[in-house]
Each structure stands twice: as structure tokens, then as C-alpha cells.
């Protein structure tokens, strides 16, 4: 009988202190911390800081982050990943953007290092076991775009797009989901390095059968495109997925982007957004909630599963159900992606505004 009470007492003790036995987790964060996309990397760093601060003390002391700057250049991302992997210290990696995430996806799978990519291109996770996309899917964004186009009575579209992995995923999803309601009457690809869009705009100016312009150009191009269109006297409405939402683009457009709409990942939860803006006033929150939730997911995976093994982390990330975080409540969708929502936003002269009821 005495031994029985000892066993019961030991079990109760282990249950009570179990979190203290959880292993440390080291996360490699490969972000653009310099260059034209540094504001996104900074926002993600801010989200990570908030996430770690919000963890229970036992978890907070065992979560470590190693940062690498890739300037959003895929070859730099590969070098950074190889450096982190060679250190033997990292349990998981976070990346930003489709092109950079896609560059390391096969390496991560080969080395069995779980990756949470804050990226949309489904090719990143296709046939991968250890790579996950923690961003709203192109299908979700494009479906919302099609609904809005239909509500606005738009039928004929001129499309210009940059040859970037994420953008090509949006273009492919648009063409696949368009059931014949919309005609692409002018369709030109451009390099992400292009800064002169006059060839496309000159052809567009000669047409009279266009209702709107699908300006799916990359960051660093959207504002210039809008300005060049206005300078040529083109007043057709513009629409886009994501890249309109950048203060630098609005500034570069000299006001030409204002009044146009775009599709974006839905805003973070109000309590997260309020806390973020109080802690980091006047800073972009673009993708910060994704990085916040990435840390939460990895902390929970290693705590609940009591395992930091590649398989343990992978299995948790693949089976997430009704996770409540800064992005809202979401679940794994069975294809290494998650059920995150999209929304419609409007560019204003002073910033970016979510449209209530998608109006």
C-alpha cells in the first residue's frame, strides 16, 4: 500500500512539472532584414518577439530564434538554410515569400527539417513531408477576387503580371477558377526587375473593350505601374492581390494607387493588432501575425508532443485542428496548408482600408 501511494505521488509530481521537461526548440528565421523588403522581415521579427513574450515562462525560456538575412533573394536563402542546417542546432525554419521558400523546400525535405513558409505558392509544399505554407491559399484569394469582379460587373480584363512564383500561382488559380465569366483580352508577363511598363500601357490605350486592369506586378513595381498608367491618361480601375499594400508603393505611385482595390490575407485578430500597434507604432504588420502563430504552433508542438524530433513537429503541424491564434481559428487542410481567410481592401490616400462586407 505504501508503495502504491509513492507511485501515485510520483505520477502527480511528473504531471505537475512535465512542462519543465520539454526540450528546447531552436528556430531558424530566414527573413529579408535588409534591402527593399526589409519592412516585411522587420514585421515578422516583431511578431516573433510578441509571440515569445506571450508564452508561459517555462516555454519562453526554451524557445530560441536564430536570424539570417536573405534580402528576399533565393540564392541567399539557400546559403542561409545550409548554414543553419550545418550548425546542427535548428529544429525548424521559418521563411518569407514564395520564391525563397521554394528554393529551400527540397533541401528541407531531404534533411528532414520542418519549414513553415509564410508563402502562398502551392508548389512549395507539393509532394513534401516537412514543408508547410502558413499563408492564405491562392485559391481562397482568387475566389474572393472573382466574386468581387462579378459584383462590380467587370467582364473584360487586361492583365499584366510579374514572373514571380507567388504571382504565377495567382495567375494559374485565376485561369483555373474562372468559369468563363471574365475574358482576358490583353495578357503580358514582365520580369520582376522591369520598371518600364509603357509597352503594355501603349497597347492598352489603343483598346476600347477593357473594363479593368489586373495589375499583378511585384513589390517595387505596383506604384510605378499605377503612376505610368495615370501619366498616359489611363483611368481604368486597377485590382491586384497583395502587392498594393505597401506604403512604399503608395508613395511611388504619387497617389495613383488610391481608390483601387486588392485582395489580401485577412487582418489579424483585433486584440493582436491593437497590441502590435501599441508596441510597434507606425510599423508594418504585414505577415507579423503569421510569424506570431508560427512560433505558437512550434511551441505547442514541442510541448504537447514532448518531442522536438522532425517527425514529431511535422506530425503536429500536419494535424492542427481549430488552432486559435493571431490569425483567428484555423486548421490544417490535409495538403500542408491551412484554412486561412482572405479579405478585400481599398488603397486610400493615407493607407489601406478593409472593406466592410466586401463593399
Protein backbone atom coordinates (compact mmCIF):
# COMPACT_ATOMS: atom_id res chain seq x y z
CA UNK A 1 0.00 0.00 0.00
CA UNK A 2 2.82 2.34 0.89
CA UNK A 3 4.47 1.71 -2.50
CA UNK A 4 1.18 2.46 -4.24
CA UNK A 5 0.99 5.88 -2.65
CA UNK A 6 4.59 6.56 -3.65
CA UNK A 7 3.78 5.72 -7.27
CA UNK A 8 0.66 7.89 -7.23
CA UNK A 9 2.62 10.74 -5.71
CA UNK A 10 5.41 10.42 -8.26
CA UNK A 11 2.89 10.41 -11.11
CA UNK A 12 1.23 13.55 -9.78
CA UNK A 13 4.63 15.22 -9.48
CA UNK A 14 5.56 14.34 -13.06
CA UNK A 15 2.25 15.65 -14.40
CA UNK A 16 2.70 18.88 -12.45
CA UNK A 17 6.24 19.57 -13.63
CA UNK A 18 6.01 17.95 -17.10
CA UNK A 19 6.35 21.26 -18.98
CA UNK A 20 9.75 21.74 -17.37
CA UNK A 21 10.97 18.56 -19.05
CA UNK A 22 10.09 19.78 -22.55
CA UNK A 23 13.11 20.11 -24.77
CA UNK A 24 14.48 23.40 -26.04
CA UNK A 25 13.46 24.41 -29.56
CA UNK A 26 15.72 26.43 -31.85
CA UNK A 27 14.07 28.04 -34.86
CA UNK A 28 15.96 29.42 -37.82
CA UNK A 29 14.26 32.53 -39.24
CA UNK A 30 15.41 33.39 -42.77
CA UNK A 31 13.96 36.82 -43.49
CA UNK A 32 14.75 39.93 -45.58
CA UNK A 33 16.33 42.07 -42.87
CA UNK A 34 17.90 44.48 -45.35
CA UNK A 35 17.03 45.60 -48.85
CA UNK A 36 13.70 46.70 -50.33
CA UNK A 37 11.64 44.07 -48.47
CA UNK A 38 13.24 44.64 -45.07
CA UNK A 39 9.99 46.06 -43.69
CA UNK A 40 8.39 42.62 -44.07
CA UNK A 41 11.26 40.92 -42.26
CA UNK A 42 11.05 43.52 -39.51
CA UNK A 43 7.31 42.91 -39.13
CA UNK A 44 7.93 39.19 -38.77
CA UNK A 45 10.65 39.80 -36.20
CA UNK A 46 8.19 41.93 -34.28
CA UNK A 47 5.59 39.17 -34.43
CA UNK A 48 8.12 36.66 -33.13
CA UNK A 49 9.08 38.97 -30.26
CA UNK A 50 5.42 39.28 -29.27
CA UNK A 51 4.88 35.53 -29.57
CA UNK A 52 7.79 34.64 -27.30
CA UNK A 53 6.76 37.30 -24.78
CA UNK A 54 3.25 35.81 -24.68
CA UNK A 55 4.37 32.25 -23.90
CA UNK A 56 4.31 30.79 -20.38
CA UNK A 57 7.66 31.27 -18.66
CA UNK A 58 8.60 27.58 -18.99
CA UNK A 59 8.07 27.74 -22.76
CA UNK A 60 9.55 31.21 -23.16
CA UNK A 61 12.91 30.11 -21.76
CA UNK A 62 13.22 27.16 -24.13
CA UNK A 63 12.30 28.82 -27.46
CA UNK A 64 15.31 30.27 -29.27
CA UNK A 65 15.47 32.03 -32.66
CA UNK A 66 18.48 32.33 -34.97
CA UNK A 67 18.03 35.04 -37.64
CA UNK A 68 19.55 35.06 -41.11
CA UNK A 69 19.16 37.85 -43.68
CA UNK A 70 18.41 36.70 -47.24
CA UNK A 71 17.29 40.09 -48.66
CA UNK A 72 14.45 38.09 -50.26
CA UNK A 73 16.93 36.61 -52.76
CA UNK A 74 16.53 32.83 -53.25
CA UNK A 75 20.27 32.06 -53.55
CA UNK A 76 20.82 33.85 -50.24
CA UNK A 77 18.01 31.82 -48.69
CA UNK A 78 19.71 28.60 -49.79
CA UNK A 79 23.03 29.73 -48.28
CA UNK A 80 21.33 30.72 -45.03
CA UNK A 81 19.47 27.41 -44.83
CA UNK A 82 22.64 25.42 -45.41
CA UNK A 83 24.41 27.42 -42.70
CA UNK A 84 21.60 26.76 -40.21
CA UNK A 85 21.36 23.09 -41.12
CA UNK A 86 25.14 22.61 -40.82
CA UNK A 87 25.06 24.08 -37.31
CA UNK A 88 23.02 21.09 -36.17
CA UNK A 89 21.12 23.37 -33.80
CA UNK A 90 17.85 24.14 -35.58
CA UNK A 91 14.66 22.12 -35.08
CA UNK A 92 12.61 24.10 -37.60
CA UNK A 93 12.89 27.00 -40.05
CA UNK A 94 10.67 29.96 -40.94
CA UNK A 95 10.85 31.62 -44.36
CA UNK A 96 9.16 34.54 -46.10
CA UNK A 97 7.87 34.66 -49.71
CA UNK A 98 7.21 32.00 -52.31
CA UNK A 99 10.42 32.21 -54.35
CA UNK A 100 12.71 31.97 -51.35
CA UNK A 101 10.68 29.24 -49.67
CA UNK A 102 10.51 27.23 -52.88
CA UNK A 103 14.29 27.39 -53.19
CA UNK A 104 14.88 25.56 -49.91
CA UNK A 105 11.84 23.25 -49.84
CA UNK A 106 13.60 20.22 -51.39
CA UNK A 107 16.64 20.76 -49.16
CA UNK A 108 14.45 20.88 -46.07
CA UNK A 109 12.64 17.69 -47.01
CA UNK A 110 15.92 15.91 -47.72
CA UNK A 111 17.34 16.95 -44.33
CA UNK A 112 14.03 16.35 -42.51
CA UNK A 113 13.89 19.90 -41.13
CA UNK A 114 10.31 21.20 -40.76
CA UNK A 115 9.71 24.52 -42.51
CA UNK A 116 6.82 26.93 -42.02
CA UNK A 117 6.80 29.10 -45.12
CA UNK A 118 4.95 32.40 -44.89
CA UNK A 119 4.16 31.99 -48.56
CA UNK A 120 1.32 31.12 -50.92
CA UNK A 121 2.68 29.12 -53.88
CA UNK A 122 1.30 25.55 -53.58
CA UNK A 123 4.37 24.23 -55.42
CA UNK A 124 6.37 24.88 -52.22
CA UNK A 125 4.58 22.07 -50.37
CA UNK A 126 3.70 19.76 -53.25
CA UNK A 127 4.96 16.22 -52.53
CA UNK A 128 6.78 17.48 -49.43
CA UNK A 129 6.63 15.88 -45.98
CA UNK A 130 8.30 18.55 -43.88
CA UNK A 131 7.31 21.83 -45.57
CA UNK A 132 4.14 23.80 -44.79
CA UNK A 133 2.58 27.04 -46.11
CA UNK A 134 1.25 29.30 -43.35
CA UNK A 135 -0.50 31.80 -45.64
CA UNK A 136 -3.91 32.10 -47.22
CA UNK A 137 -4.08 29.93 -50.34
CA UNK A 138 -4.17 31.39 -53.87
CA UNK A 139 -7.48 29.59 -54.43
CA UNK A 140 -9.07 31.39 -51.46
CA UNK A 141 -7.79 34.78 -52.61
CA UNK A 142 -8.73 34.32 -56.25
CA UNK A 143 -12.21 33.04 -55.43
CA UNK A 144 -12.88 36.21 -53.43
CA UNK A 145 -11.48 38.29 -56.31
CA UNK A 146 -13.81 36.61 -58.82
CA UNK A 147 -16.80 37.24 -56.59
CA UNK A 148 -15.95 40.93 -56.34
CA UNK A 149 -15.35 41.28 -60.08
CA UNK A 150 -18.75 39.75 -60.71
CA UNK A 151 -20.41 42.10 -58.21
CA UNK A 152 -18.80 45.09 -59.98
CA UNK A 153 -20.00 43.95 -63.40
CA UNK A 154 -16.47 43.65 -64.80
CA UNK A 155 -16.23 41.35 -67.82
CA UNK A 156 -13.16 42.18 -69.90
CA UNK A 157 -9.76 42.42 -68.26
CA UNK A 158 -6.27 43.50 -69.29
CA UNK A 159 -3.70 41.59 -67.23
CA UNK A 160 -0.06 42.39 -66.59
CA UNK A 161 1.88 40.16 -64.24
CA UNK A 162 5.39 39.66 -62.94
CA UNK A 163 7.20 36.38 -63.39
CA UNK A 164 7.46 35.54 -59.71
CA UNK A 165 6.46 32.22 -58.12
CA UNK A 166 3.67 33.61 -55.94
CA UNK A 167 2.26 35.76 -58.73
CA UNK A 168 2.34 32.89 -61.20
CA UNK A 169 0.37 30.85 -58.65
CA UNK A 170 -2.30 33.59 -58.56
CA UNK A 171 -2.42 33.75 -62.36
CA UNK A 172 -2.78 29.97 -62.61
CA UNK A 173 -5.52 29.94 -59.96
CA UNK A 174 -7.38 32.76 -61.73
CA UNK A 175 -7.34 30.92 -65.05
CA UNK A 176 -8.35 27.64 -63.41
CA UNK A 177 -11.20 29.07 -61.33
CA UNK A 178 -12.54 31.45 -63.97
CA UNK A 179 -15.56 29.58 -65.32
CA UNK A 180 -15.92 31.82 -68.38
CA UNK A 181 -17.34 34.88 -66.64
CA UNK A 182 -14.27 37.00 -67.45
CA UNK A 183 -12.22 37.46 -70.62
CA UNK A 184 -8.52 38.31 -70.55
CA UNK A 185 -8.23 40.49 -73.67
CA UNK A 186 -4.61 41.58 -73.11
CA UNK A 187 -2.12 39.47 -71.17
CA UNK A 188 1.57 40.36 -70.77
CA UNK A 189 4.24 38.95 -68.43
CA UNK A 190 7.11 41.14 -67.20
CA UNK A 191 10.32 40.47 -65.29
CA UNK A 192 10.30 41.40 -61.61
CA UNK A 193 13.17 43.76 -62.46
CA UNK A 194 11.15 45.71 -65.06
CA UNK A 195 10.44 49.34 -64.35
CA UNK A 196 9.06 50.46 -67.72
CA UNK A 197 5.50 49.31 -68.44
CA UNK A 198 4.83 51.63 -71.35
CA UNK A 199 4.78 48.82 -73.97
CA UNK A 200 1.85 47.19 -72.21
CA UNK A 201 0.15 50.50 -71.46
CA UNK A 202 0.53 51.68 -75.08
CA UNK A 203 -1.25 48.55 -76.33
CA UNK A 204 -3.90 49.01 -73.66
CA UNK A 205 -4.51 52.64 -74.64
CA UNK A 206 -5.38 51.51 -78.16
CA UNK A 207 -8.22 49.30 -76.93
CA UNK A 208 -11.75 50.33 -76.02
CA UNK A 209 -13.01 46.97 -74.76
CA UNK A 210 -11.35 46.81 -71.33
CA UNK A 211 -13.26 47.21 -68.06
CA UNK A 212 -10.36 46.98 -65.59
CA UNK A 213 -6.67 46.12 -65.23
CA UNK A 214 -5.47 43.12 -63.25
CA UNK A 215 -2.10 44.64 -62.26
CA UNK A 216 -0.47 41.63 -60.62
CA UNK A 217 3.01 43.13 -60.50
CA UNK A 218 5.52 42.64 -57.71
CA UNK A 219 6.58 44.84 -54.83
CA UNK A 220 8.67 47.69 -56.24
CA UNK A 221 6.57 47.72 -59.41
CA UNK A 222 2.95 48.35 -58.39
CA UNK A 223 3.34 52.05 -57.60
CA UNK A 224 5.37 52.72 -60.73
CA UNK A 225 2.82 50.91 -62.89
CA UNK A 226 -0.07 52.93 -61.47
CA UNK A 227 1.80 56.22 -61.98
CA UNK A 228 2.81 55.36 -65.55
CA UNK A 229 -0.79 54.42 -66.37
CA UNK A 230 -2.10 57.71 -64.99
CA UNK A 231 0.61 59.70 -66.79
CA UNK A 232 -0.59 58.16 -70.08
CA UNK A 233 -4.16 59.20 -69.30
CA UNK A 234 -5.39 55.67 -68.49
CA UNK A 235 -8.12 55.88 -65.86
CA UNK A 236 -9.32 52.28 -65.83
CA UNK A 237 -9.69 50.77 -62.34
CA UNK A 238 -6.85 48.60 -61.09
CA UNK A 239 -7.09 45.48 -58.94
CA UNK A 240 -4.46 43.17 -57.52
CA UNK A 241 -3.55 40.51 -54.97
CA UNK A 242 -1.38 41.74 -52.08
CA UNK A 243 1.33 43.97 -53.57
CA UNK A 244 -0.75 47.18 -53.45
CA UNK A 245 -0.45 47.04 -49.65
CA UNK A 246 2.88 48.72 -49.17
CA UNK A 247 3.42 52.35 -48.11
CA UNK A 248 6.38 52.49 -50.49
CA UNK A 249 4.13 51.57 -53.43
CA UNK A 250 1.58 54.22 -52.49
CA UNK A 251 4.36 56.80 -52.27
CA UNK A 252 5.90 55.73 -55.59
CA UNK A 253 2.50 55.98 -57.30
CA UNK A 254 2.22 59.65 -56.25
CA UNK A 255 -1.41 58.99 -55.37
CA UNK A 256 -2.29 56.97 -58.48
CA UNK A 257 -2.94 53.79 -56.47
CA UNK A 258 -5.51 55.49 -54.23
CA UNK A 259 -9.07 54.37 -54.89
CA UNK A 260 -8.10 50.96 -56.25
CA UNK A 261 -8.81 47.65 -54.52
CA UNK A 262 -6.94 44.45 -53.88
CA UNK A 263 -7.23 41.07 -52.19
CA UNK A 264 -5.17 40.41 -49.10
CA UNK A 265 -4.86 37.88 -46.28
CA UNK A 266 -7.44 38.88 -43.70
CA UNK A 267 -6.32 41.19 -40.92
CA UNK A 268 -5.07 39.68 -37.67
CA UNK A 269 -7.39 39.41 -34.68
CA UNK A 270 -8.25 42.79 -33.19
CA UNK A 271 -6.52 42.16 -29.85
CA UNK A 272 -3.28 41.15 -31.57
CA UNK A 273 -3.41 44.13 -33.94
CA UNK A 274 -4.06 46.55 -31.08
CA UNK A 275 -1.17 45.15 -29.05
CA UNK A 276 1.14 45.15 -32.08
CA UNK A 277 0.42 48.77 -33.00
CA UNK A 278 0.90 49.85 -29.38
CA UNK A 279 4.27 48.08 -29.17
CA UNK A 280 5.46 48.94 -32.68
CA UNK A 281 3.75 52.21 -33.69
CA UNK A 282 3.93 53.18 -37.35
CA UNK A 283 5.45 49.81 -38.29
CA UNK A 284 4.01 47.47 -40.92
CA UNK A 285 2.16 44.45 -39.53
CA UNK A 286 2.24 42.62 -42.86
CA UNK A 287 2.77 38.90 -42.07
CA UNK A 288 3.55 39.63 -38.40
CA UNK A 289 0.59 37.56 -37.23
CA UNK A 290 1.75 34.62 -39.36
CA UNK A 291 5.14 34.67 -37.66
CA UNK A 292 3.46 35.06 -34.28
CA UNK A 293 1.36 31.97 -34.91
CA UNK A 294 4.31 30.04 -36.35
CA UNK A 295 6.11 30.40 -33.02
CA UNK A 296 2.95 29.44 -31.14
CA UNK A 297 2.49 26.33 -33.27
CA UNK A 298 6.07 25.17 -32.81
CA UNK A 299 5.99 25.85 -29.07
CA UNK A 300 2.77 23.89 -28.74
CA UNK A 301 4.02 21.08 -30.96
CA UNK A 302 7.10 20.55 -28.84
CA UNK A 303 5.20 20.99 -25.57
CA UNK A 304 2.13 18.85 -26.22
CA UNK A 305 4.04 16.17 -28.05
CA UNK A 306 7.03 16.49 -25.68
CA UNK A 307 9.16 15.96 -28.76
CA UNK A 308 11.32 18.17 -30.90
CA UNK A 309 12.05 15.37 -33.36
CA UNK A 310 11.47 16.23 -37.04
CA UNK A 311 8.68 13.66 -37.18
CA UNK A 312 7.05 14.93 -34.00
CA UNK A 313 6.98 18.53 -35.19
CA UNK A 314 5.88 17.52 -38.68
CA UNK A 315 3.03 15.35 -37.41
CA UNK A 316 1.72 18.13 -35.20
CA UNK A 317 1.87 20.74 -37.98
CA UNK A 318 0.05 18.38 -40.34
CA UNK A 319 -2.77 17.68 -37.89
CA UNK A 320 -3.54 21.14 -36.45
CA UNK A 321 -7.23 21.39 -35.61
CA UNK A 322 -9.03 24.61 -34.59
CA UNK A 323 -5.83 26.38 -33.55
CA UNK A 324 -6.66 29.77 -32.04
CA UNK A 325 -4.03 32.39 -32.71
CA UNK A 326 -3.40 35.89 -34.02
CA UNK A 327 -4.74 34.82 -37.42
CA UNK A 328 -8.00 33.59 -35.90
CA UNK A 329 -9.07 29.96 -35.69
CA UNK A 330 -7.68 27.68 -38.38
CA UNK A 331 -6.93 24.05 -39.16
CA UNK A 332 -4.64 22.02 -41.38
CA UNK A 333 -6.27 21.21 -44.72
CA UNK A 334 -4.52 17.91 -45.38
CA UNK A 335 -2.15 19.24 -48.06
CA UNK A 336 0.41 21.01 -45.81
CA UNK A 337 -1.62 24.22 -45.94
CA UNK A 338 -4.11 25.89 -43.59
CA UNK A 339 -7.65 27.25 -43.71
CA UNK A 340 -6.83 30.96 -43.52
CA UNK A 341 -9.24 33.64 -44.81
CA UNK A 342 -8.83 36.47 -47.33
CA UNK A 343 -10.43 39.91 -47.49
CA UNK A 344 -10.94 42.86 -49.86
CA UNK A 345 -9.08 46.09 -49.14
CA UNK A 346 -9.01 49.58 -50.62
CA UNK A 347 -5.98 51.81 -51.13
CA UNK A 348 -6.65 55.25 -49.69
CA UNK A 349 -4.55 58.39 -49.81
CA UNK A 350 -3.40 57.72 -46.24
CA UNK A 351 -3.11 53.94 -46.25
CA UNK A 352 -5.12 50.74 -46.62
CA UNK A 353 -8.66 50.03 -45.53
CA UNK A 354 -10.53 46.79 -45.14
CA UNK A 355 -13.88 46.99 -46.89
CA UNK A 356 -16.76 46.05 -44.61
CA UNK A 357 -18.98 43.38 -46.15
CA UNK A 358 -16.52 43.41 -49.08
CA UNK A 359 -18.31 46.51 -50.40
